[in-house]
Each structure stands twice: as C-alpha cells, then as structure tokens.
C-alpha cells in the first residue's frame, strides 16, 4: 500500500472535534477504474489513526484499489493498493 498525504512534511491536522473529542472521518473506497465501492464514516481521535484505519480497510476490501480519507471537506490523505486485488495472493492466517 502507498500512503498519499496532501502536503508531505506538514503536521497532522486535528480537525473539528465532536462533543466526545473524536473527529468524524469519511472513507471513500474506490475500484481501480475510479468507481465507488462504499463510503464509511468513523469517529477517531486523529489523522494518524484515520490513515491507519484506511490501510486496514484497504486490506479487508479486496475489490478496493484506493481509499481517500476526509475530515469534513478537508482531504486528510489516501492509501492505494500497490497491485490490484486479482493479482494479490489469497490472505491466510488468523
């Protein structure tokens, strides 16, 4: 997976927090052709945790080629699959 951020070297933005101190992030999951697969929303405490969850979601959604992460209208970053799901070996283990 490749992690893409809007501005390399900038500190993570803390965003607008909800009443519980968590931020609401949107995860836009897409196929290799750019067509949408799903949108997910999760409350998390930071951009770093949101990007970590994006990597986990990408590993779980094998038909997904990339996931963009947003805090409201601010693009936090994106993760992309190095190879397409069809080319990856089957997941094994736990």
N, C-alpha and C. Protein backbone atom coordinates (compact mmCIF):
# COMPACT_ATOMS: atom_id res chain seq x y z
N UNK A 1 0.82 -1.17 0.00
CA UNK A 1 0.00 0.00 0.00
C UNK A 1 0.87 1.24 0.00
N UNK A 2 0.41 2.25 -0.69
CA UNK A 2 1.12 3.52 -0.73
C UNK A 2 0.26 4.56 -0.04
N UNK A 3 0.86 5.30 0.89
CA UNK A 3 0.16 6.35 1.62
C UNK A 3 0.42 7.67 0.93
N UNK A 4 -0.65 8.38 0.61
CA UNK A 4 -0.55 9.68 -0.03
C UNK A 4 -1.16 10.72 0.90
N UNK A 5 -0.44 11.77 1.18
CA UNK A 5 -0.97 12.85 2.01
C UNK A 5 -0.98 14.13 1.20
N UNK A 6 -1.84 15.08 1.56
CA UNK A 6 -1.94 16.29 0.76
C UNK A 6 -0.66 17.13 0.74
N UNK A 7 0.03 17.22 1.87
CA UNK A 7 1.23 18.04 1.95
C UNK A 7 2.25 17.31 2.79
N UNK A 8 3.20 16.65 2.15
CA UNK A 8 4.22 15.90 2.87
C UNK A 8 4.98 16.82 3.81
N UNK A 9 5.27 16.33 5.01
CA UNK A 9 6.05 17.09 5.96
C UNK A 9 5.24 18.00 6.86
N UNK A 10 3.96 18.21 6.55
CA UNK A 10 3.13 19.05 7.41
C UNK A 10 2.66 18.23 8.60
N UNK A 11 2.51 18.85 9.75
CA UNK A 11 1.98 18.12 10.90
C UNK A 11 0.53 17.73 10.66
N UNK A 12 0.10 16.63 11.27
CA UNK A 12 -1.28 16.18 11.12
C UNK A 12 -2.23 17.23 11.69
N UNK A 13 -3.28 17.51 10.95
CA UNK A 13 -4.30 18.47 11.37
C UNK A 13 -5.23 17.78 12.35
N UNK A 14 -5.62 18.46 13.38
CA UNK A 14 -6.50 17.86 14.38
C UNK A 14 -7.97 17.95 13.99
N UNK A 15 -8.34 18.83 13.07
CA UNK A 15 -9.70 18.88 12.57
C UNK A 15 -10.70 19.38 13.60
N UNK A 16 -11.97 19.34 13.22
CA UNK A 16 -13.04 19.77 14.12
C UNK A 16 -13.51 18.57 14.91
N UNK A 17 -13.53 18.70 16.21
CA UNK A 17 -13.89 17.55 17.04
C UNK A 17 -15.36 17.54 17.35
N UNK A 18 -15.88 16.34 17.60
CA UNK A 18 -17.25 16.19 18.04
C UNK A 18 -17.30 16.45 19.53
N UNK A 19 -18.46 16.35 20.11
CA UNK A 19 -18.60 16.62 21.54
C UNK A 19 -17.77 15.66 22.39
N UNK A 20 -17.48 14.47 21.90
CA UNK A 20 -16.70 13.49 22.66
C UNK A 20 -15.20 13.64 22.42
N UNK A 21 -14.78 14.63 21.63
CA UNK A 21 -13.36 14.83 21.35
C UNK A 21 -12.87 14.05 20.15
N UNK A 22 -13.72 13.22 19.57
CA UNK A 22 -13.33 12.45 18.38
C UNK A 22 -13.70 13.24 17.13
N UNK A 23 -13.01 12.93 16.05
CA UNK A 23 -13.27 13.55 14.75
C UNK A 23 -14.05 12.57 13.89
N UNK A 24 -14.94 13.06 13.06
CA UNK A 24 -15.69 12.19 12.16
C UNK A 24 -14.98 12.20 10.81
N UNK A 25 -14.45 11.05 10.43
CA UNK A 25 -13.73 10.87 9.16
C UNK A 25 -14.59 10.07 8.20
N UNK A 26 -14.51 10.43 6.92
CA UNK A 26 -15.19 9.69 5.86
C UNK A 26 -14.14 8.97 5.03
N UNK A 27 -14.42 7.70 4.73
CA UNK A 27 -13.51 6.85 3.96
C UNK A 27 -14.20 6.52 2.64
N UNK A 28 -13.66 7.03 1.54
CA UNK A 28 -14.21 6.86 0.19
C UNK A 28 -13.44 5.74 -0.50
N UNK A 29 -14.07 4.56 -0.57
CA UNK A 29 -13.43 3.37 -1.13
C UNK A 29 -13.77 3.26 -2.62
N UNK A 30 -12.72 3.07 -3.45
CA UNK A 30 -12.92 3.04 -4.90
C UNK A 30 -12.21 1.88 -5.57
N UNK A 31 -12.76 1.45 -6.72
CA UNK A 31 -12.14 0.43 -7.56
C UNK A 31 -11.03 1.07 -8.38
N UNK A 32 -10.26 0.24 -9.08
CA UNK A 32 -9.15 0.72 -9.91
C UNK A 32 -9.63 1.69 -10.99
N UNK A 33 -10.86 1.50 -11.50
CA UNK A 33 -11.39 2.38 -12.54
C UNK A 33 -11.98 3.68 -11.98
N UNK A 34 -11.90 3.85 -10.65
CA UNK A 34 -12.39 5.06 -10.02
C UNK A 34 -13.83 5.00 -9.57
N UNK A 35 -14.53 3.90 -9.90
CA UNK A 35 -15.92 3.80 -9.49
C UNK A 35 -16.02 3.53 -7.99
N UNK A 36 -17.03 4.11 -7.35
CA UNK A 36 -17.15 3.97 -5.90
C UNK A 36 -17.59 2.57 -5.49
N UNK A 37 -17.05 2.11 -4.38
CA UNK A 37 -17.49 0.84 -3.79
C UNK A 37 -18.37 1.14 -2.58
N UNK A 38 -17.86 1.97 -1.68
CA UNK A 38 -18.63 2.31 -0.48
C UNK A 38 -18.05 3.55 0.17
N UNK A 39 -18.84 4.12 1.03
CA UNK A 39 -18.40 5.19 1.92
C UNK A 39 -18.57 4.67 3.33
N UNK A 40 -17.58 4.91 4.18
CA UNK A 40 -17.67 4.55 5.58
C UNK A 40 -17.34 5.79 6.38
N UNK A 41 -17.94 5.91 7.55
CA UNK A 41 -17.65 7.02 8.46
C UNK A 41 -17.28 6.44 9.82
N UNK A 42 -16.21 6.98 10.41
CA UNK A 42 -15.74 6.52 11.71
C UNK A 42 -15.28 7.71 12.52
N UNK A 43 -15.59 7.69 13.82
CA UNK A 43 -15.08 8.71 14.73
C UNK A 43 -13.75 8.23 15.28
N UNK A 44 -12.72 9.04 15.09
CA UNK A 44 -11.36 8.70 15.53
C UNK A 44 -10.72 9.93 16.14
N UNK A 45 -9.63 9.72 16.87
CA UNK A 45 -9.02 10.82 17.62
C UNK A 45 -7.99 11.64 16.84
N UNK A 46 -7.53 11.15 15.66
CA UNK A 46 -6.50 11.91 14.94
C UNK A 46 -6.42 11.47 13.48
N UNK A 47 -5.74 12.29 12.69
CA UNK A 47 -5.48 11.96 11.29
C UNK A 47 -4.67 10.68 11.19
N UNK A 48 -3.68 10.51 12.05
CA UNK A 48 -2.85 9.31 12.00
C UNK A 48 -3.69 8.05 12.19
N UNK A 49 -4.63 8.09 13.12
CA UNK A 49 -5.50 6.93 13.34
C UNK A 49 -6.42 6.70 12.15
N UNK A 50 -6.87 7.78 11.53
CA UNK A 50 -7.73 7.65 10.35
C UNK A 50 -6.97 7.00 9.20
N UNK A 51 -5.73 7.41 8.98
CA UNK A 51 -4.94 6.82 7.90
C UNK A 51 -4.59 5.36 8.20
N UNK A 52 -4.36 5.04 9.47
CA UNK A 52 -4.11 3.65 9.85
C UNK A 52 -5.35 2.80 9.58
N UNK A 53 -6.53 3.33 9.89
CA UNK A 53 -7.76 2.60 9.61
C UNK A 53 -7.95 2.44 8.10
N UNK A 54 -7.60 3.45 7.32
CA UNK A 54 -7.72 3.35 5.86
C UNK A 54 -6.87 2.19 5.34
N UNK A 55 -5.65 2.03 5.87
CA UNK A 55 -4.80 0.92 5.46
C UNK A 55 -5.45 -0.43 5.81
N UNK A 56 -6.06 -0.50 6.99
CA UNK A 56 -6.73 -1.73 7.42
C UNK A 56 -7.94 -2.02 6.52
N UNK A 57 -8.74 -1.01 6.23
CA UNK A 57 -9.90 -1.19 5.35
C UNK A 57 -9.47 -1.64 3.96
N UNK A 58 -8.39 -1.08 3.45
CA UNK A 58 -7.90 -1.46 2.13
C UNK A 58 -7.50 -2.94 2.12
N UNK A 59 -6.89 -3.41 3.18
CA UNK A 59 -6.51 -4.82 3.27
C UNK A 59 -7.74 -5.72 3.35
N UNK A 60 -8.81 -5.25 3.96
CA UNK A 60 -10.03 -6.04 4.13
C UNK A 60 -10.91 -6.05 2.88
N UNK A 61 -10.96 -4.95 2.15
CA UNK A 61 -11.81 -4.83 0.96
C UNK A 61 -10.97 -5.14 -0.28
N UNK A 62 -10.94 -6.40 -0.68
CA UNK A 62 -10.04 -6.82 -1.76
C UNK A 62 -10.40 -6.23 -3.12
N UNK A 63 -11.65 -5.84 -3.34
CA UNK A 63 -12.01 -5.22 -4.62
C UNK A 63 -11.69 -3.73 -4.64
N UNK A 64 -11.26 -3.21 -3.53
CA UNK A 64 -10.94 -1.79 -3.40
C UNK A 64 -9.51 -1.53 -3.85
N UNK A 65 -9.32 -0.49 -4.65
CA UNK A 65 -7.99 -0.13 -5.15
C UNK A 65 -7.40 1.06 -4.39
N UNK A 66 -8.27 1.94 -3.88
CA UNK A 66 -7.79 3.11 -3.14
C UNK A 66 -8.86 3.58 -2.17
N UNK A 67 -8.40 4.27 -1.13
CA UNK A 67 -9.31 4.87 -0.16
C UNK A 67 -8.82 6.28 0.13
N UNK A 68 -9.71 7.25 -0.08
CA UNK A 68 -9.42 8.63 0.30
C UNK A 68 -10.09 8.90 1.63
N UNK A 69 -9.38 9.64 2.48
CA UNK A 69 -9.87 9.95 3.83
C UNK A 69 -10.13 11.45 3.93
N UNK A 70 -11.31 11.79 4.44
CA UNK A 70 -11.71 13.19 4.59
C UNK A 70 -12.15 13.48 6.01
N UNK A 71 -11.83 14.68 6.49
CA UNK A 71 -12.37 15.25 7.72
C UNK A 71 -13.21 16.42 7.24
N UNK A 72 -14.52 16.22 7.20
CA UNK A 72 -15.44 17.17 6.58
C UNK A 72 -15.02 17.34 5.12
N UNK A 73 -14.66 18.56 4.67
CA UNK A 73 -14.25 18.75 3.28
C UNK A 73 -12.74 18.78 3.12
N UNK A 74 -12.01 18.56 4.21
CA UNK A 74 -10.54 18.54 4.16
C UNK A 74 -10.05 17.13 3.83
N UNK A 75 -9.26 17.03 2.76
CA UNK A 75 -8.67 15.74 2.39
C UNK A 75 -7.48 15.46 3.30
N UNK A 76 -7.59 14.41 4.09
CA UNK A 76 -6.53 14.03 5.03
C UNK A 76 -5.42 13.31 4.30
N UNK A 77 -5.78 12.42 3.37
CA UNK A 77 -4.81 11.64 2.62
C UNK A 77 -5.49 10.48 1.94
N UNK A 78 -4.69 9.59 1.40
CA UNK A 78 -5.22 8.42 0.71
C UNK A 78 -4.24 7.27 0.80
N UNK A 79 -4.76 6.07 0.67
CA UNK A 79 -3.92 4.88 0.55
C UNK A 79 -4.31 4.19 -0.75
N UNK A 80 -3.32 3.63 -1.42
CA UNK A 80 -3.56 2.93 -2.68
C UNK A 80 -2.92 1.56 -2.63
N UNK A 81 -3.58 0.62 -3.25
CA UNK A 81 -3.05 -0.73 -3.35
C UNK A 81 -1.90 -0.73 -4.36
N UNK A 82 -0.80 -1.38 -4.02
CA UNK A 82 0.35 -1.49 -4.94
C UNK A 82 -0.01 -2.30 -6.17
N UNK A 83 -0.75 -3.39 -5.98
CA UNK A 83 -1.24 -4.22 -7.09
C UNK A 83 -2.73 -4.39 -6.90
N UNK A 84 -3.43 -4.76 -7.95
CA UNK A 84 -4.87 -4.95 -7.87
C UNK A 84 -5.19 -6.24 -7.13
N UNK A 85 -6.39 -6.30 -6.57
CA UNK A 85 -6.81 -7.43 -5.74
C UNK A 85 -6.68 -8.76 -6.49
N UNK A 86 -6.95 -8.77 -7.79
CA UNK A 86 -6.89 -10.01 -8.54
C UNK A 86 -5.46 -10.56 -8.60
N UNK A 87 -4.48 -9.67 -8.48
CA UNK A 87 -3.08 -10.06 -8.61
C UNK A 87 -2.46 -10.43 -7.27
N UNK A 88 -3.17 -10.18 -6.16
CA UNK A 88 -2.59 -10.45 -4.85
C UNK A 88 -2.84 -11.89 -4.45
N UNK A 89 -1.92 -12.46 -3.69
CA UNK A 89 -2.15 -13.80 -3.19
C UNK A 89 -3.28 -13.79 -2.18
N UNK A 90 -3.93 -14.92 -2.02
CA UNK A 90 -5.01 -15.04 -1.06
C UNK A 90 -4.48 -14.76 0.35
N UNK A 91 -5.31 -14.12 1.16
CA UNK A 91 -4.94 -13.85 2.54
C UNK A 91 -5.07 -15.14 3.35
N UNK A 92 -4.11 -15.39 4.19
CA UNK A 92 -4.15 -16.57 5.04
C UNK A 92 -3.87 -16.16 6.47
N UNK A 93 -4.11 -17.05 7.37
CA UNK A 93 -3.75 -16.78 8.76
C UNK A 93 -4.94 -16.62 9.65
N UNK A 94 -4.73 -15.93 10.73
CA UNK A 94 -5.65 -15.76 11.84
C UNK A 94 -7.08 -15.73 11.47
